[in-house]
């Protein structure tokens, strides 16, 4: 009997031009019935070195700017569509504050922030290939209070009132080191689109590495985090959990993990430092 890993491996090896022979409705039915999982369990202990390869596009970013200038709203996808509303509950429109976007990749999010908070200072960090178009845009359009961080160690050079991990922390192999440092520099730390679970035993009492198979032909690897262990990183630094809620931007099927993990959730959650 073919197991899940073998089944998805076979699918990956089918050339795209062959898959496209089938009508879209047939492909959808096949995926719904046989390839209904986004993630597969692995036995890896560390994330691969070459993981989540992404390329930035100057043309794509400029199109987002054109749409924003025309519609006056952000049109790109976000794992937390209500993030601006959340910020409006914490900061005044004319307040000056530092916002760090780790994993930021959409220029119209910056434009939306500037529209709502005219004195915000926006810091963004991501892979070099994604950051490169931002440098060109900043130079051409003279964006103010727009700070591009090229090296991970430079993240900790400033203090931040709000740090945003938009479905990104699970792709960092050194996530513990990043969190231990950023908790010294931040007041609010927000995570969206992050996979949390409660462990059924000792084997997965910290994290588990899974293979992401819903974005073929690209294959990514990422962490699911043990909820209690992950939250301990913040409790040790005197942070308080304000809320955890289910992220509603996707309906992920976790049935293939039920023998290993419980209470798995695609989550959004916010921490605040008790003394800042």
C-alpha atoms as a PDB file:
ATOM      1  CA  UNK A   1       0.000   0.000   0.000  1.00  0.00           C
ATOM      2  CA  UNK A   2       1.344   3.424  -0.995  1.00  0.00           C
ATOM      3  CA  UNK A   3       1.822   5.741   1.975  1.00  0.00           C
ATOM      4  CA  UNK A   4       1.269   9.508   1.896  1.00  0.00           C
ATOM      5  CA  UNK A   5       4.899  10.371   1.267  1.00  0.00           C
ATOM      6  CA  UNK A   6       5.074   8.028  -1.730  1.00  0.00           C
ATOM      7  CA  UNK A   7       1.767   9.293  -3.115  1.00  0.00           C
ATOM      8  CA  UNK A   8       2.863  12.936  -3.029  1.00  0.00           C
ATOM      9  CA  UNK A   9       6.310  12.040  -4.400  1.00  0.00           C
ATOM     10  CA  UNK A  10       4.667  10.421  -7.428  1.00  0.00           C
ATOM     11  CA  UNK A  11       2.576  13.567  -7.982  1.00  0.00           C
ATOM     12  CA  UNK A  12       5.670  15.788  -7.790  1.00  0.00           C
ATOM     13  CA  UNK A  13       7.360  13.772 -10.547  1.00  0.00           C
ATOM     14  CA  UNK A  14       4.481  14.164 -13.017  1.00  0.00           C
ATOM     15  CA  UNK A  15       5.478  16.938 -15.486  1.00  0.00           C
ATOM     16  CA  UNK A  16       3.318  20.052 -15.360  1.00  0.00           C
ATOM     17  CA  UNK A  17       2.386  19.748 -19.046  1.00  0.00           C
ATOM     18  CA  UNK A  18       1.032  16.247 -18.388  1.00  0.00           C
ATOM     19  CA  UNK A  19      -1.005  17.389 -15.374  1.00  0.00           C
ATOM     20  CA  UNK A  20      -2.557  20.158 -17.481  1.00  0.00           C
ATOM     21  CA  UNK A  21      -4.002  17.622 -19.920  1.00  0.00           C
ATOM     22  CA  UNK A  22      -6.778  17.015 -17.398  1.00  0.00           C
ATOM     23  CA  UNK A  23      -9.534  19.658 -17.206  1.00  0.00           C
ATOM     24  CA  UNK A  24      -9.294  21.927 -14.166  1.00  0.00           C
ATOM     25  CA  UNK A  25     -12.447  20.467 -12.600  1.00  0.00           C
ATOM     26  CA  UNK A  26     -10.918  16.965 -12.782  1.00  0.00           C
ATOM     27  CA  UNK A  27      -7.665  18.175 -11.223  1.00  0.00           C
ATOM     28  CA  UNK A  28      -9.615  19.776  -8.404  1.00  0.00           C
ATOM     29  CA  UNK A  29     -11.528  16.559  -7.735  1.00  0.00           C
ATOM     30  CA  UNK A  30      -8.280  14.553  -7.691  1.00  0.00           C
ATOM     31  CA  UNK A  31      -6.661  16.998  -5.271  1.00  0.00           C
ATOM     32  CA  UNK A  32      -9.740  17.071  -3.048  1.00  0.00           C
ATOM     33  CA  UNK A  33      -9.932  13.286  -2.777  1.00  0.00           C
ATOM     34  CA  UNK A  34      -6.297  12.179  -2.931  1.00  0.00           C
ATOM     35  CA  UNK A  35      -4.127  15.217  -2.176  1.00  0.00           C
ATOM     36  CA  UNK A  36      -6.068  16.981   0.543  1.00  0.00           C
ATOM     37  CA  UNK A  37      -3.116  17.703   2.831  1.00  0.00           C
ATOM     38  CA  UNK A  38      -0.828  20.735   2.759  1.00  0.00           C
ATOM     39  CA  UNK A  39       1.811  19.236   5.053  1.00  0.00           C
ATOM     40  CA  UNK A  40       3.470  15.873   5.584  1.00  0.00           C
ATOM     41  CA  UNK A  41       5.371  14.633   8.631  1.00  0.00           C
ATOM     42  CA  UNK A  42       9.155  14.252   8.310  1.00  0.00           C
ATOM     43  CA  UNK A  43      11.907  12.851  10.508  1.00  0.00           C
ATOM     44  CA  UNK A  44      14.139  15.877   9.993  1.00  0.00           C
ATOM     45  CA  UNK A  45      15.739  17.504  13.030  1.00  0.00           C
ATOM     46  CA  UNK A  46      16.857  20.667  11.209  1.00  0.00           C
ATOM     47  CA  UNK A  47      15.472  22.694   8.335  1.00  0.00           C
ATOM     48  CA  UNK A  48      17.354  22.249   5.027  1.00  0.00           C
ATOM     49  CA  UNK A  49      19.849  25.011   4.223  1.00  0.00           C
ATOM     50  CA  UNK A  50      18.178  25.907   0.926  1.00  0.00           C
ATOM     51  CA  UNK A  51      14.592  26.340   2.031  1.00  0.00           C
ATOM     52  CA  UNK A  52      11.696  28.504   0.865  1.00  0.00           C
ATOM     53  CA  UNK A  53      13.437  29.918  -2.229  1.00  0.00           C
ATOM     54  CA  UNK A  54      11.622  33.041  -3.326  1.00  0.00           C
ATOM     55  CA  UNK A  55      12.365  35.686  -5.947  1.00  0.00           C
ATOM     56  CA  UNK A  56      11.330  39.293  -5.708  1.00  0.00           C
ATOM     57  CA  UNK A  57       9.803  41.126  -8.659  1.00  0.00           C
ATOM     58  CA  UNK A  58      10.155  44.854  -9.198  1.00  0.00           C
ATOM     59  CA  UNK A  59       7.336  44.792 -11.739  1.00  0.00           C
ATOM     60  CA  UNK A  60       5.018  43.046  -9.267  1.00  0.00           C
ATOM     61  CA  UNK A  61       5.740  45.586  -6.542  1.00  0.00           C
ATOM     62  CA  UNK A  62       5.211  48.510  -8.918  1.00  0.00           C
ATOM     63  CA  UNK A  63       1.850  47.047  -9.967  1.00  0.00           C
ATOM     64  CA  UNK A  64       0.851  46.921  -6.288  1.00  0.00           C
ATOM     65  CA  UNK A  65       1.762  50.607  -6.012  1.00  0.00           C
ATOM     66  CA  UNK A  66      -0.378  51.472  -9.059  1.00  0.00           C
ATOM     67  CA  UNK A  67      -3.351  49.589  -7.637  1.00  0.00           C
ATOM     68  CA  UNK A  68      -2.942  51.263  -4.261  1.00  0.00           C
ATOM     69  CA  UNK A  69      -2.724  54.730  -5.793  1.00  0.00           C
ATOM     70  CA  UNK A  70      -5.919  54.037  -7.732  1.00  0.00           C
ATOM     71  CA  UNK A  71      -7.990  52.213  -5.099  1.00  0.00           C
ATOM     72  CA  UNK A  72      -6.378  53.608  -1.908  1.00  0.00           C
ATOM     73  CA  UNK A  73      -6.423  50.157  -0.305  1.00  0.00           C
ATOM     74  CA  UNK A  74      -4.085  47.194  -0.060  1.00  0.00           C
ATOM     75  CA  UNK A  75      -4.967  44.546  -2.663  1.00  0.00           C
ATOM     76  CA  UNK A  76      -2.249  41.955  -1.970  1.00  0.00           C
ATOM     77  CA  UNK A  77      -2.903  38.925   0.229  1.00  0.00           C
ATOM     78  CA  UNK A  78      -2.091  38.988   3.944  1.00  0.00           C
ATOM     79  CA  UNK A  79      -2.252  36.198   6.505  1.00  0.00           C
ATOM     80  CA  UNK A  80      -3.822  38.780   8.847  1.00  0.00           C
ATOM     81  CA  UNK A  81      -6.213  40.987   6.832  1.00  0.00           C
ATOM     82  CA  UNK A  82      -7.258  42.876   9.992  1.00  0.00           C
ATOM     83  CA  UNK A  83      -3.748  43.851  11.098  1.00  0.00           C
ATOM     84  CA  UNK A  84      -4.353  47.564  10.464  1.00  0.00           C
ATOM     85  CA  UNK A  85      -7.467  47.406  12.649  1.00  0.00           C
ATOM     86  CA  UNK A  86      -5.451  45.717  15.377  1.00  0.00           C
ATOM     87  CA  UNK A  87      -2.813  48.456  15.215  1.00  0.00           C
ATOM     88  CA  UNK A  88      -5.469  51.164  15.390  1.00  0.00           C
ATOM     89  CA  UNK A  89      -6.474  49.695  18.760  1.00  0.00           C
ATOM     90  CA  UNK A  90      -2.901  50.113  20.037  1.00  0.00           C
ATOM     91  CA  UNK A  91      -1.641  53.320  18.392  1.00  0.00           C
ATOM     92  CA  UNK A  92      -3.037  56.731  17.500  1.00  0.00           C
ATOM     93  CA  UNK A  93      -3.075  57.867  13.886  1.00  0.00           C
ATOM     94  CA  UNK A  94      -0.554  60.658  14.552  1.00  0.00           C
ATOM     95  CA  UNK A  95       1.620  58.634  16.945  1.00  0.00           C
ATOM     96  CA  UNK A  96       5.281  58.008  16.143  1.00  0.00           C
ATOM     97  CA  UNK A  97       6.268  54.362  16.543  1.00  0.00           C
ATOM     98  CA  UNK A  98       8.625  51.742  15.111  1.00  0.00           C
ATOM     99  CA  UNK A  99       7.120  48.800  13.227  1.00  0.00           C
ATOM    100  CA  UNK A 100       9.255  45.790  12.253  1.00  0.00           C
ATOM    101  CA  UNK A 101       7.938  43.475   9.529  1.00  0.00           C
ATOM    102  CA  UNK A 102       9.896  40.197   9.527  1.00  0.00           C
ATOM    103  CA  UNK A 103       9.016  38.408   6.322  1.00  0.00           C
ATOM    104  CA  UNK A 104       7.406  41.489   4.771  1.00  0.00           C
ATOM    105  CA  UNK A 105       7.116  41.194   1.000  1.00  0.00           C
ATOM    106  CA  UNK A 106       4.275  43.450  -0.214  1.00  0.00           C
ATOM    107  CA  UNK A 107       4.932  47.149  -0.741  1.00  0.00           C
ATOM    108  CA  UNK A 108       1.251  48.063  -0.549  1.00  0.00           C
ATOM    109  CA  UNK A 109       1.221  46.983   3.094  1.00  0.00           C
ATOM    110  CA  UNK A 110       3.751  49.740   3.799  1.00  0.00           C
ATOM    111  CA  UNK A 111       1.545  52.183   1.851  1.00  0.00           C
ATOM    112  CA  UNK A 112      -1.490  51.129   3.883  1.00  0.00           C
ATOM    113  CA  UNK A 113       0.446  51.636   7.115  1.00  0.00           C
ATOM    114  CA  UNK A 114       1.519  55.116   6.014  1.00  0.00           C
ATOM    115  CA  UNK A 115      -2.037  55.979   5.084  1.00  0.00           C
ATOM    116  CA  UNK A 116      -3.271  55.119   8.570  1.00  0.00           C
ATOM    117  CA  UNK A 117      -0.226  56.149  10.642  1.00  0.00           C
ATOM    118  CA  UNK A 118       1.540  59.112   9.086  1.00  0.00           C
ATOM    119  CA  UNK A 119       4.435  59.069  11.578  1.00  0.00           C
ATOM    120  CA  UNK A 120       5.164  55.357  11.528  1.00  0.00           C
ATOM    121  CA  UNK A 121       8.729  54.159  10.955  1.00  0.00           C
ATOM    122  CA  UNK A 122       8.595  50.958   8.920  1.00  0.00           C
ATOM    123  CA  UNK A 123      11.421  48.414   9.108  1.00  0.00           C
ATOM    124  CA  UNK A 124      11.363  45.333   6.872  1.00  0.00           C
ATOM    125  CA  UNK A 125      13.517  42.200   6.739  1.00  0.00           C
ATOM    126  CA  UNK A 126      13.327  39.308   4.301  1.00  0.00           C
ATOM    127  CA  UNK A 127      15.455  37.263   1.925  1.00  0.00           C
ATOM    128  CA  UNK A 128      17.877  39.268  -0.210  1.00  0.00           C
ATOM    129  CA  UNK A 129      16.036  38.459  -3.461  1.00  0.00           C
ATOM    130  CA  UNK A 130      12.764  39.839  -2.064  1.00  0.00           C
ATOM    131  CA  UNK A 131      14.363  42.899  -0.479  1.00  0.00           C
ATOM    132  CA  UNK A 132      16.236  44.016  -3.609  1.00  0.00           C
ATOM    133  CA  UNK A 133      13.183  45.532  -5.385  1.00  0.00           C
ATOM    134  CA  UNK A 134      12.408  47.515  -2.200  1.00  0.00           C
ATOM    135  CA  UNK A 135      15.788  49.244  -2.453  1.00  0.00           C
ATOM    136  CA  UNK A 136      15.025  50.336  -6.012  1.00  0.00           C
ATOM    137  CA  UNK A 137      11.532  51.526  -5.114  1.00  0.00           C
ATOM    138  CA  UNK A 138      12.735  53.490  -2.121  1.00  0.00           C
ATOM    139  CA  UNK A 139      15.390  55.206  -4.254  1.00  0.00           C
ATOM    140  CA  UNK A 140      13.024  55.979  -7.146  1.00  0.00           C
ATOM    141  CA  UNK A 141      10.008  57.111  -5.117  1.00  0.00           C
ATOM    142  CA  UNK A 142      11.847  58.672  -2.160  1.00  0.00           C
ATOM    143  CA  UNK A 143       9.789  56.806   0.433  1.00  0.00           C
ATOM    144  CA  UNK A 144      10.364  58.206   3.906  1.00  0.00           C
ATOM    145  CA  UNK A 145      10.569  56.290   7.184  1.00  0.00           C
ATOM    146  CA  UNK A 146      11.120  53.133   5.134  1.00  0.00           C
ATOM    147  CA  UNK A 147      14.069  51.155   6.485  1.00  0.00           C
ATOM    148  CA  UNK A 148      15.301  48.030   4.704  1.00  0.00           C
ATOM    149  CA  UNK A 149      17.267  45.529   6.796  1.00  0.00           C
ATOM    150  CA  UNK A 150      19.646  43.458   4.685  1.00  0.00           C
ATOM    151  CA  UNK A 151      21.342  41.318   7.335  1.00  0.00           C
ATOM    152  CA  UNK A 152      19.650  39.372  10.117  1.00  0.00           C
ATOM    153  CA  UNK A 153      22.025  40.677  12.782  1.00  0.00           C
ATOM    154  CA  UNK A 154      20.951  44.243  11.917  1.00  0.00           C
ATOM    155  CA  UNK A 155      17.413  43.465  13.064  1.00  0.00           C
ATOM    156  CA  UNK A 156      18.455  44.001  16.668  1.00  0.00           C
ATOM    157  CA  UNK A 157      20.040  47.448  16.176  1.00  0.00           C
ATOM    158  CA  UNK A 158      16.775  49.245  16.973  1.00  0.00           C
ATOM    159  CA  UNK A 159      13.904  49.038  19.428  1.00  0.00           C
ATOM    160  CA  UNK A 160      10.425  48.341  18.126  1.00  0.00           C
ATOM    161  CA  UNK A 161       6.962  49.136  19.400  1.00  0.00           C
ATOM    162  CA  UNK A 162       5.403  46.411  17.255  1.00  0.00           C
ATOM    163  CA  UNK A 163       7.000  43.370  15.605  1.00  0.00           C
ATOM    164  CA  UNK A 164       5.072  41.450  12.971  1.00  0.00           C
ATOM    165  CA  UNK A 165       5.849  37.857  11.981  1.00  0.00           C
ATOM    166  CA  UNK A 166       3.446  37.341   9.082  1.00  0.00           C
ATOM    167  CA  UNK A 167       3.487  33.539   8.738  1.00  0.00           C
ATOM    168  CA  UNK A 168       7.285  33.643   8.693  1.00  0.00           C
ATOM    169  CA  UNK A 169       8.842  32.452  11.973  1.00  0.00           C
ATOM    170  CA  UNK A 170       8.265  28.777  11.073  1.00  0.00           C
ATOM    171  CA  UNK A 171      10.717  29.059   8.162  1.00  0.00           C
ATOM    172  CA  UNK A 172      13.652  30.264  10.295  1.00  0.00           C
ATOM    173  CA  UNK A 173      16.049  27.524  11.365  1.00  0.00           C
ATOM    174  CA  UNK A 174      17.370  29.820  14.129  1.00  0.00           C
ATOM    175  CA  UNK A 175      13.944  30.920  15.337  1.00  0.00           C
ATOM    176  CA  UNK A 176      14.822  30.495  19.022  1.00  0.00           C
ATOM    177  CA  UNK A 177      17.840  32.787  18.742  1.00  0.00           C
ATOM    178  CA  UNK A 178      15.789  35.411  16.889  1.00  0.00           C
ATOM    179  CA  UNK A 179      12.997  35.353  19.456  1.00  0.00           C
ATOM    180  CA  UNK A 180      15.336  35.479  22.446  1.00  0.00           C
ATOM    181  CA  UNK A 181      16.939  38.610  20.991  1.00  0.00           C
ATOM    182  CA  UNK A 182      13.865  40.376  19.644  1.00  0.00           C
ATOM    183  CA  UNK A 183      12.093  40.038  22.993  1.00  0.00           C
ATOM    184  CA  UNK A 184      14.734  42.419  24.369  1.00  0.00           C
ATOM    185  CA  UNK A 185      13.856  45.039  21.744  1.00  0.00           C
ATOM    186  CA  UNK A 186      10.074  44.978  21.433  1.00  0.00           C
ATOM    187  CA  UNK A 187       6.837  45.906  23.183  1.00  0.00           C
ATOM    188  CA  UNK A 188       4.265  44.009  21.074  1.00  0.00           C
ATOM    189  CA  UNK A 189       5.100  40.851  19.112  1.00  0.00           C
ATOM    190  CA  UNK A 190       2.468  39.470  16.764  1.00  0.00           C
ATOM    191  CA  UNK A 191       2.368  36.182  14.859  1.00  0.00           C
ATOM    192  CA  UNK A 192      -0.120  35.286  12.142  1.00  0.00           C
ATOM    193  CA  UNK A 193      -0.545  32.075  10.180  1.00  0.00           C
ATOM    194  CA  UNK A 194       1.586  30.021  12.587  1.00  0.00           C
ATOM    195  CA  UNK A 195       1.009  26.323  13.306  1.00  0.00           C
ATOM    196  CA  UNK A 196       0.645  25.435  16.996  1.00  0.00           C
ATOM    197  CA  UNK A 197      -0.164  22.124  18.661  1.00  0.00           C
ATOM    198  CA  UNK A 198      -0.279  20.324  21.987  1.00  0.00           C
ATOM    199  CA  UNK A 199       1.938  17.257  22.237  1.00  0.00           C
ATOM    200  CA  UNK A 200       0.676  13.730  22.876  1.00  0.00           C
ATOM    201  CA  UNK A 201       4.061  12.674  24.242  1.00  0.00           C
ATOM    202  CA  UNK A 202       7.693  13.605  24.727  1.00  0.00           C
ATOM    203  CA  UNK A 203       8.741  13.084  21.106  1.00  0.00           C
ATOM    204  CA  UNK A 204       7.268  16.349  19.850  1.00  0.00           C
ATOM    205  CA  UNK A 205       7.423  18.411  23.050  1.00  0.00           C
ATOM    206  CA  UNK A 206       9.214  21.274  21.254  1.00  0.00           C
ATOM    207  CA  UNK A 207       8.541  21.249  17.510  1.00  0.00           C
ATOM    208  CA  UNK A 208       8.156  19.071  14.449  1.00  0.00           C
ATOM    209  CA  UNK A 209       9.483  19.708  10.933  1.00  0.00           C
ATOM    210  CA  UNK A 210       6.979  19.146   8.145  1.00  0.00           C
ATOM    211  CA  UNK A 211       7.126  19.162   4.371  1.00  0.00           C
ATOM    212  CA  UNK A 212       4.872  21.659   2.588  1.00  0.00           C
ATOM    213  CA  UNK A 213       3.359  20.111  -0.548  1.00  0.00           C
ATOM    214  CA  UNK A 214       0.563  22.484  -1.565  1.00  0.00           C
ATOM    215  CA  UNK A 215       2.748  24.879  -3.595  1.00  0.00           C
ATOM    216  CA  UNK A 216       4.135  22.552  -6.266  1.00  0.00           C
ATOM    217  CA  UNK A 217       6.512  22.476  -8.019  1.00  0.00           C
ATOM    218  CA  UNK A 218       8.153  24.203  -5.038  1.00  0.00           C
ATOM    219  CA  UNK A 219       8.619  22.182  -1.855  1.00  0.00           C
ATOM    220  CA  UNK A 220       9.229  23.910   1.476  1.00  0.00           C
ATOM    221  CA  UNK A 221      10.020  22.736   4.980  1.00  0.00           C
ATOM    222  CA  UNK A 222       8.850  24.435   8.150  1.00  0.00           C
ATOM    223  CA  UNK A 223       8.185  24.038  11.848  1.00  0.00           C
ATOM    224  CA  UNK A 224       4.983  23.272  13.671  1.00  0.00           C
ATOM    225  CA  UNK A 225       5.483  24.497  17.249  1.00  0.00           C
ATOM    226  CA  UNK A 226       4.486  22.974  20.554  1.00  0.00           C
ATOM    227  CA  UNK A 227       2.231  25.684  21.957  1.00  0.00           C
ATOM    228  CA  UNK A 228       3.423  25.592  25.588  1.00  0.00           C
ATOM    229  CA  UNK A 229       7.104  25.361  24.687  1.00  0.00           C
ATOM    230  CA  UNK A 230       6.865  28.199  22.190  1.00  0.00           C
ATOM    231  CA  UNK A 231       4.990  30.446  24.612  1.00  0.00           C
ATOM    232  CA  UNK A 232       7.591  29.763  27.312  1.00  0.00           C
ATOM    233  CA  UNK A 233      10.107  31.777  25.282  1.00  0.00           C
ATOM    234  CA  UNK A 234       7.961  34.847  25.952  1.00  0.00           C
ATOM    235  CA  UNK A 235       6.989  34.110  29.527  1.00  0.00           C
ATOM    236  CA  UNK A 236      10.685  33.915  30.413  1.00  0.00           C
ATOM    237  CA  UNK A 237      11.073  37.468  29.093  1.00  0.00           C
ATOM    238  CA  UNK A 238       8.013  38.749  30.999  1.00  0.00           C
ATOM    239  CA  UNK A 239       5.678  38.878  28.024  1.00  0.00           C
ATOM    240  CA  UNK A 240       1.958  38.294  28.416  1.00  0.00           C
ATOM    241  CA  UNK A 241      -0.291  36.593  25.864  1.00  0.00           C
ATOM    242  CA  UNK A 242      -3.113  38.970  24.885  1.00  0.00           C
ATOM    243  CA  UNK A 243      -4.934  36.531  22.617  1.00  0.00           C
ATOM    244  CA  UNK A 244      -4.669  33.452  20.440  1.00  0.00           C
ATOM    245  CA  UNK A 245      -7.259  32.901  17.723  1.00  0.00           C
ATOM    246  CA  UNK A 246      -7.737  30.704  14.681  1.00  0.00           C
ATOM    247  CA  UNK A 247      -6.471  32.187  11.446  1.00  0.00           C
ATOM    248  CA  UNK A 248      -9.355  32.163   8.965  1.00  0.00           C
ATOM    249  CA  UNK A 249      -7.473  32.839   5.720  1.00  0.00           C
ATOM    250  CA  UNK A 250      -7.168  29.106   5.013  1.00  0.00           C
ATOM    251  CA  UNK A 251      -8.865  25.883   6.076  1.00  0.00           C
ATOM    252  CA  UNK A 252      -5.990  23.473   6.614  1.00  0.00           C
ATOM    253  CA  UNK A 253      -6.587  19.748   6.965  1.00  0.00           C
ATOM    254  CA  UNK A 254      -4.441  18.333   9.794  1.00  0.00           C
ATOM    255  CA  UNK A 255      -6.040  14.873   9.916  1.00  0.00           C
ATOM    256  CA  UNK A 256      -2.786  13.136   8.949  1.00  0.00           C
ATOM    257  CA  UNK A 257      -1.183  14.421  12.188  1.00  0.00           C
ATOM    258  CA  UNK A 258      -3.884  13.268  14.604  1.00  0.00           C
ATOM    259  CA  UNK A 259      -1.868  10.224  15.738  1.00  0.00           C
ATOM    260  CA  UNK A 260       1.049  12.449  16.750  1.00  0.00           C
ATOM    261  CA  UNK A 261      -0.367  15.818  17.779  1.00  0.00           C
ATOM    262  CA  UNK A 262      -3.545  17.298  19.225  1.00  0.00           C
ATOM    263  CA  UNK A 263      -5.283  20.680  19.137  1.00  0.00           C
ATOM    264  CA  UNK A 264      -3.393  21.713  15.985  1.00  0.00           C
ATOM    265  CA  UNK A 265      -4.381  25.172  14.862  1.00  0.00           C
ATOM    266  CA  UNK A 266      -3.348  27.684  12.219  1.00  0.00           C
ATOM    267  CA  UNK A 267      -3.098  30.536  14.681  1.00  0.00           C
ATOM    268  CA  UNK A 268      -2.741  34.278  15.174  1.00  0.00           C
ATOM    269  CA  UNK A 269      -1.487  35.434  18.561  1.00  0.00           C
ATOM    270  CA  UNK A 270      -0.221  38.608  20.194  1.00  0.00           C
ATOM    271  CA  UNK A 271       2.182  39.150  23.079  1.00  0.00           C
ATOM    272  CA  UNK A 272       2.866  42.310  25.057  1.00  0.00           C
ATOM    273  CA  UNK A 273       5.873  43.010  27.227  1.00  0.00           C
ATOM    274  CA  UNK A 274       4.717  43.693  30.771  1.00  0.00           C
ATOM    275  CA  UNK A 275       7.346  46.345  31.416  1.00  0.00           C
ATOM    276  CA  UNK A 276       8.589  48.406  28.483  1.00  0.00           C
END
